Amino acid sequence: MIAEAVVRPLAPQDRTDWDELWQGYLTFYDEPLPNEISERTWARLMDPQFDMNGICVSDGTRIVGICHYLFHPSTWSEGPYCYLEDLFVDPNVRGSGFGRKLIEAVYEAAEARGAGRVYWATQESNETARRLYDRIATLTPFVQYAR
């Protein structure tokens, strides 16, 4: 792990770095989005009225990863659940511990909010990410459906 790794909330001055990483994330998942959706996502991340949280990790000189998460009520828990919706680390620094730092920051935020669970999804074929996820979380038997 890189000793200089610092995780912090996204800030307005991070927009250019966020755009680059966000586009890398969308490209990785082959999910082109209209620019309006990306604009709205950034606006929500910056607006405290939305409980949509954005964090980033830097290597001491630049932002190398982003993560978005949100809280929602659960029918199975007194407290909320935390959904880690997006996580992306620059491919040039993957395996250096930056993804782990982002997830651990989400775990801390979830504990502070009294969340009973942190969960996320990834593609079954995303072997690089799954190696990390298998070390820091439990693979559930649930299958996700979408429409």
C-alpha atoms as a PDB file:
ATOM      1  CA  MET A   1       0.000   0.000   0.000  1.00  0.00           C
ATOM      2  CA  ILE A   2       1.139   3.526  -0.730  1.00  0.00           C
ATOM      3  CA  ALA A   3       1.819   5.352   2.533  1.00  0.00           C
ATOM      4  CA  GLU A   4       0.556   8.699   1.187  1.00  0.00           C
ATOM      5  CA  ALA A   5      -2.934   7.358   0.412  1.00  0.00           C
ATOM      6  CA  VAL A   6      -5.497   9.836   1.702  1.00  0.00           C
ATOM      7  CA  VAL A   7      -9.264   9.301   1.534  1.00  0.00           C
ATOM      8  CA  ARG A   8     -11.516  12.356   1.754  1.00  0.00           C
ATOM      9  CA  PRO A   9     -14.906  13.594   0.548  1.00  0.00           C
ATOM     10  CA  LEU A  10     -15.112  14.777  -3.034  1.00  0.00           C
ATOM     11  CA  ALA A  11     -15.038  18.572  -3.335  1.00  0.00           C
ATOM     12  CA  PRO A  12     -15.989  20.961  -6.147  1.00  0.00           C
ATOM     13  CA  GLN A  13     -12.339  21.392  -7.174  1.00  0.00           C
ATOM     14  CA  ASP A  14     -12.149  17.625  -7.855  1.00  0.00           C
ATOM     15  CA  ARG A  15     -14.496  17.816 -10.843  1.00  0.00           C
ATOM     16  CA  THR A  16     -11.847  17.370 -13.549  1.00  0.00           C
ATOM     17  CA  ASP A  17     -10.265  14.358 -11.824  1.00  0.00           C
ATOM     18  CA  TRP A  18     -13.700  12.905 -11.078  1.00  0.00           C
ATOM     19  CA  ASP A  19     -14.736  13.274 -14.727  1.00  0.00           C
ATOM     20  CA  GLU A  20     -11.674  11.343 -15.873  1.00  0.00           C
ATOM     21  CA  LEU A  21     -12.161   8.520 -13.365  1.00  0.00           C
ATOM     22  CA  TRP A  22     -15.940   8.426 -13.868  1.00  0.00           C
ATOM     23  CA  GLN A  23     -15.471   8.050 -17.615  1.00  0.00           C
ATOM     24  CA  GLY A  24     -12.919   5.289 -16.989  1.00  0.00           C
ATOM     25  CA  TYR A  25     -15.474   3.526 -14.796  1.00  0.00           C
ATOM     26  CA  LEU A  26     -18.218   3.820 -17.423  1.00  0.00           C
ATOM     27  CA  THR A  27     -15.829   2.598 -20.122  1.00  0.00           C
ATOM     28  CA  PHE A  28     -14.748  -0.365 -17.968  1.00  0.00           C
ATOM     29  CA  TYR A  29     -18.382  -1.476 -17.641  1.00  0.00           C
ATOM     30  CA  ASP A  30     -19.172  -0.526 -21.256  1.00  0.00           C
ATOM     31  CA  GLU A  31     -21.986   1.718 -20.021  1.00  0.00           C
ATOM     32  CA  PRO A  32     -22.163   4.923 -22.027  1.00  0.00           C
ATOM     33  CA  LEU A  33     -24.297   7.479 -20.205  1.00  0.00           C
ATOM     34  CA  PRO A  34     -25.719  10.684 -21.566  1.00  0.00           C
ATOM     35  CA  ASN A  35     -23.719  13.668 -20.335  1.00  0.00           C
ATOM     36  CA  GLU A  36     -26.840  14.904 -18.528  1.00  0.00           C
ATOM     37  CA  ILE A  37     -26.760  11.875 -16.213  1.00  0.00           C
ATOM     38  CA  SER A  38     -23.096  12.454 -15.333  1.00  0.00           C
ATOM     39  CA  GLU A  39     -23.856  16.138 -14.717  1.00  0.00           C
ATOM     40  CA  ARG A  40     -26.758  15.235 -12.440  1.00  0.00           C
ATOM     41  CA  THR A  41     -24.663  12.647 -10.604  1.00  0.00           C
ATOM     42  CA  TRP A  42     -21.943  15.225  -9.897  1.00  0.00           C
ATOM     43  CA  ALA A  43     -24.550  17.779  -8.792  1.00  0.00           C
ATOM     44  CA  ARG A  44     -26.112  15.267  -6.386  1.00  0.00           C
ATOM     45  CA  LEU A  45     -22.718  14.337  -4.975  1.00  0.00           C
ATOM     46  CA  MET A  46     -22.100  18.025  -4.247  1.00  0.00           C
ATOM     47  CA  ASP A  47     -25.587  18.777  -2.851  1.00  0.00           C
ATOM     48  CA  PRO A  48     -26.087  17.921   0.841  1.00  0.00           C
ATOM     49  CA  GLN A  49     -29.859  17.578   0.314  1.00  0.00           C
ATOM     50  CA  PHE A  50     -29.123  14.240  -1.388  1.00  0.00           C
ATOM     51  CA  ASP A  51     -27.790  11.470   0.808  1.00  0.00           C
ATOM     52  CA  MET A  52     -25.433  10.486  -2.009  1.00  0.00           C
ATOM     53  CA  ASN A  53     -21.842  10.456  -0.824  1.00  0.00           C
ATOM     54  CA  GLY A  54     -18.702  10.730  -2.909  1.00  0.00           C
ATOM     55  CA  ILE A  55     -15.190  10.103  -1.675  1.00  0.00           C
ATOM     56  CA  CYS A  56     -11.837   9.963  -3.379  1.00  0.00           C
ATOM     57  CA  VAL A  57      -8.380   8.633  -2.639  1.00  0.00           C
ATOM     58  CA  SER A  58      -5.145  10.307  -3.637  1.00  0.00           C
ATOM     59  CA  ASP A  59      -1.597   9.019  -3.888  1.00  0.00           C
ATOM     60  CA  GLY A  60      -0.199  12.215  -2.424  1.00  0.00           C
ATOM     61  CA  THR A  61      -0.109  14.026  -5.763  1.00  0.00           C
ATOM     62  CA  ARG A  62      -3.369  13.228  -7.562  1.00  0.00           C
ATOM     63  CA  ILE A  63      -6.727  11.537  -7.137  1.00  0.00           C
ATOM     64  CA  VAL A  64      -6.461   7.908  -8.221  1.00  0.00           C
ATOM     65  CA  GLY A  65      -9.831   6.517  -7.151  1.00  0.00           C
ATOM     66  CA  ILE A  66     -13.452   7.435  -6.538  1.00  0.00           C
ATOM     67  CA  CYS A  67     -16.329   5.851  -4.673  1.00  0.00           C
ATOM     68  CA  HIS A  68     -20.026   6.700  -4.354  1.00  0.00           C
ATOM     69  CA  TYR A  69     -22.316   5.315  -1.673  1.00  0.00           C
ATOM     70  CA  LEU A  70     -25.710   6.000  -0.168  1.00  0.00           C
ATOM     71  CA  PHE A  71     -27.830   5.024   2.797  1.00  0.00           C
ATOM     72  CA  HIS A  72     -31.394   3.738   2.709  1.00  0.00           C
ATOM     73  CA  PRO A  73     -33.895   2.333   5.203  1.00  0.00           C
ATOM     74  CA  SER A  74     -34.209  -1.414   5.483  1.00  0.00           C
ATOM     75  CA  THR A  75     -37.161  -3.619   6.318  1.00  0.00           C
ATOM     76  CA  TRP A  76     -34.703  -6.006   7.976  1.00  0.00           C
ATOM     77  CA  SER A  77     -32.826  -3.656  10.253  1.00  0.00           C
ATOM     78  CA  GLU A  78     -33.490  -0.889  12.753  1.00  0.00           C
ATOM     79  CA  GLY A  79     -30.762   1.219  11.175  1.00  0.00           C
ATOM     80  CA  PRO A  80     -30.118   1.900   7.502  1.00  0.00           C
ATOM     81  CA  TYR A  81     -28.224  -0.159   4.987  1.00  0.00           C
ATOM     82  CA  CYS A  82     -25.349   1.295   2.989  1.00  0.00           C
ATOM     83  CA  TYR A  83     -25.139   0.656  -0.737  1.00  0.00           C
ATOM     84  CA  LEU A  84     -21.695   1.132  -2.275  1.00  0.00           C
ATOM     85  CA  GLU A  85     -22.811   1.977  -5.788  1.00  0.00           C
ATOM     86  CA  ASP A  86     -19.626   2.884  -7.665  1.00  0.00           C
ATOM     87  CA  LEU A  87     -15.943   2.195  -7.052  1.00  0.00           C
ATOM     88  CA  PHE A  88     -13.164   2.853  -9.535  1.00  0.00           C
ATOM     89  CA  VAL A  89      -9.395   3.030  -9.199  1.00  0.00           C
ATOM     90  CA  ASP A  90      -7.037   4.130 -11.965  1.00  0.00           C
ATOM     91  CA  PRO A  91      -5.881   0.907 -13.676  1.00  0.00           C
ATOM     92  CA  ASN A  92      -2.256   2.074 -13.423  1.00  0.00           C
ATOM     93  CA  VAL A  93      -2.323   1.821  -9.615  1.00  0.00           C
ATOM     94  CA  ARG A  94      -4.657  -1.121  -9.022  1.00  0.00           C
ATOM     95  CA  GLY A  95      -3.362  -3.606  -6.508  1.00  0.00           C
ATOM     96  CA  SER A  96      -1.709  -0.843  -4.455  1.00  0.00           C
ATOM     97  CA  GLY A  97      -4.397  -0.753  -1.755  1.00  0.00           C
ATOM     98  CA  PHE A  98      -6.376   2.266  -2.941  1.00  0.00           C
ATOM     99  CA  GLY A  99      -9.604   0.315  -3.503  1.00  0.00           C
ATOM    100  CA  ARG A 100      -9.320  -1.202  -0.044  1.00  0.00           C
ATOM    101  CA  LYS A 101      -8.849   2.269   1.463  1.00  0.00           C
ATOM    102  CA  LEU A 102     -12.042   3.486  -0.215  1.00  0.00           C
ATOM    103  CA  ILE A 103     -14.082   0.490   0.961  1.00  0.00           C
ATOM    104  CA  GLU A 104     -12.724   0.812   4.499  1.00  0.00           C
ATOM    105  CA  ALA A 105     -13.793   4.475   4.489  1.00  0.00           C
ATOM    106  CA  VAL A 106     -17.305   3.401   3.476  1.00  0.00           C
ATOM    107  CA  TYR A 107     -17.290   0.838   6.301  1.00  0.00           C
ATOM    108  CA  GLU A 108     -16.368   3.621   8.748  1.00  0.00           C
ATOM    109  CA  ALA A 109     -19.128   5.903   7.436  1.00  0.00           C
ATOM    110  CA  ALA A 110     -21.627   3.046   7.693  1.00  0.00           C
ATOM    111  CA  GLU A 111     -20.628   2.314  11.287  1.00  0.00           C
ATOM    112  CA  ALA A 112     -20.975   6.005  12.164  1.00  0.00           C
ATOM    113  CA  ARG A 113     -24.527   5.991  10.730  1.00  0.00           C
ATOM    114  CA  GLY A 114     -25.471   2.738  12.457  1.00  0.00           C
ATOM    115  CA  ALA A 115     -25.872   0.873   9.165  1.00  0.00           C
ATOM    116  CA  GLY A 116     -26.553  -2.822   9.603  1.00  0.00           C
ATOM    117  CA  ARG A 117     -24.989  -3.750   6.290  1.00  0.00           C
ATOM    118  CA  VAL A 118     -22.706  -2.469   3.541  1.00  0.00           C
ATOM    119  CA  TYR A 119     -23.273  -4.155   0.208  1.00  0.00           C
ATOM    120  CA  TRP A 120     -22.378  -3.804  -3.455  1.00  0.00           C
ATOM    121  CA  ALA A 121     -22.388  -5.691  -6.732  1.00  0.00           C
ATOM    122  CA  THR A 122     -19.860  -6.280  -9.458  1.00  0.00           C
ATOM    123  CA  GLN A 123     -19.748  -8.258 -12.641  1.00  0.00           C
ATOM    124  CA  GLU A 124     -19.043 -11.928 -12.106  1.00  0.00           C
ATOM    125  CA  SER A 125     -16.124 -11.646 -14.549  1.00  0.00           C
ATOM    126  CA  ASN A 126     -14.457  -8.742 -12.692  1.00  0.00           C
ATOM    127  CA  GLU A 127     -11.731 -10.991 -11.282  1.00  0.00           C
ATOM    128  CA  THR A 128      -9.382  -8.193 -10.208  1.00  0.00           C
ATOM    129  CA  ALA A 129     -11.995  -6.501  -8.036  1.00  0.00           C
ATOM    130  CA  ARG A 130     -13.348  -9.787  -6.744  1.00  0.00           C
ATOM    131  CA  ARG A 131      -9.920 -10.780  -5.398  1.00  0.00           C
ATOM    132  CA  LEU A 132     -10.099  -7.717  -3.144  1.00  0.00           C
ATOM    133  CA  TYR A 133     -13.786  -8.160  -2.292  1.00  0.00           C
ATOM    134  CA  ASP A 134     -13.223 -11.801  -1.325  1.00  0.00           C
ATOM    135  CA  ARG A 135     -10.654 -10.635   1.257  1.00  0.00           C
ATOM    136  CA  ILE A 136     -12.721  -7.871   2.868  1.00  0.00           C
ATOM    137  CA  ALA A 137     -16.341  -9.006   2.516  1.00  0.00           C
ATOM    138  CA  THR A 138     -18.503 -12.097   2.252  1.00  0.00           C
ATOM    139  CA  LEU A 139     -19.903 -13.243  -1.071  1.00  0.00           C
ATOM    140  CA  THR A 140     -23.638 -13.743  -0.548  1.00  0.00           C
ATOM    141  CA  PRO A 141     -25.773 -16.396  -2.227  1.00  0.00           C
ATOM    142  CA  PHE A 142     -28.194 -13.787  -3.585  1.00  0.00           C
ATOM    143  CA  VAL A 143     -28.659 -13.303  -7.325  1.00  0.00           C
ATOM    144  CA  GLN A 144     -29.413  -9.823  -8.584  1.00  0.00           C
ATOM    145  CA  TYR A 145     -32.183  -9.156 -11.084  1.00  0.00           C
ATOM    146  CA  ALA A 146     -32.763  -5.901 -12.933  1.00  0.00           C
ATOM    147  CA  ARG A 147     -35.181  -4.448 -15.401  1.00  0.00           C
END
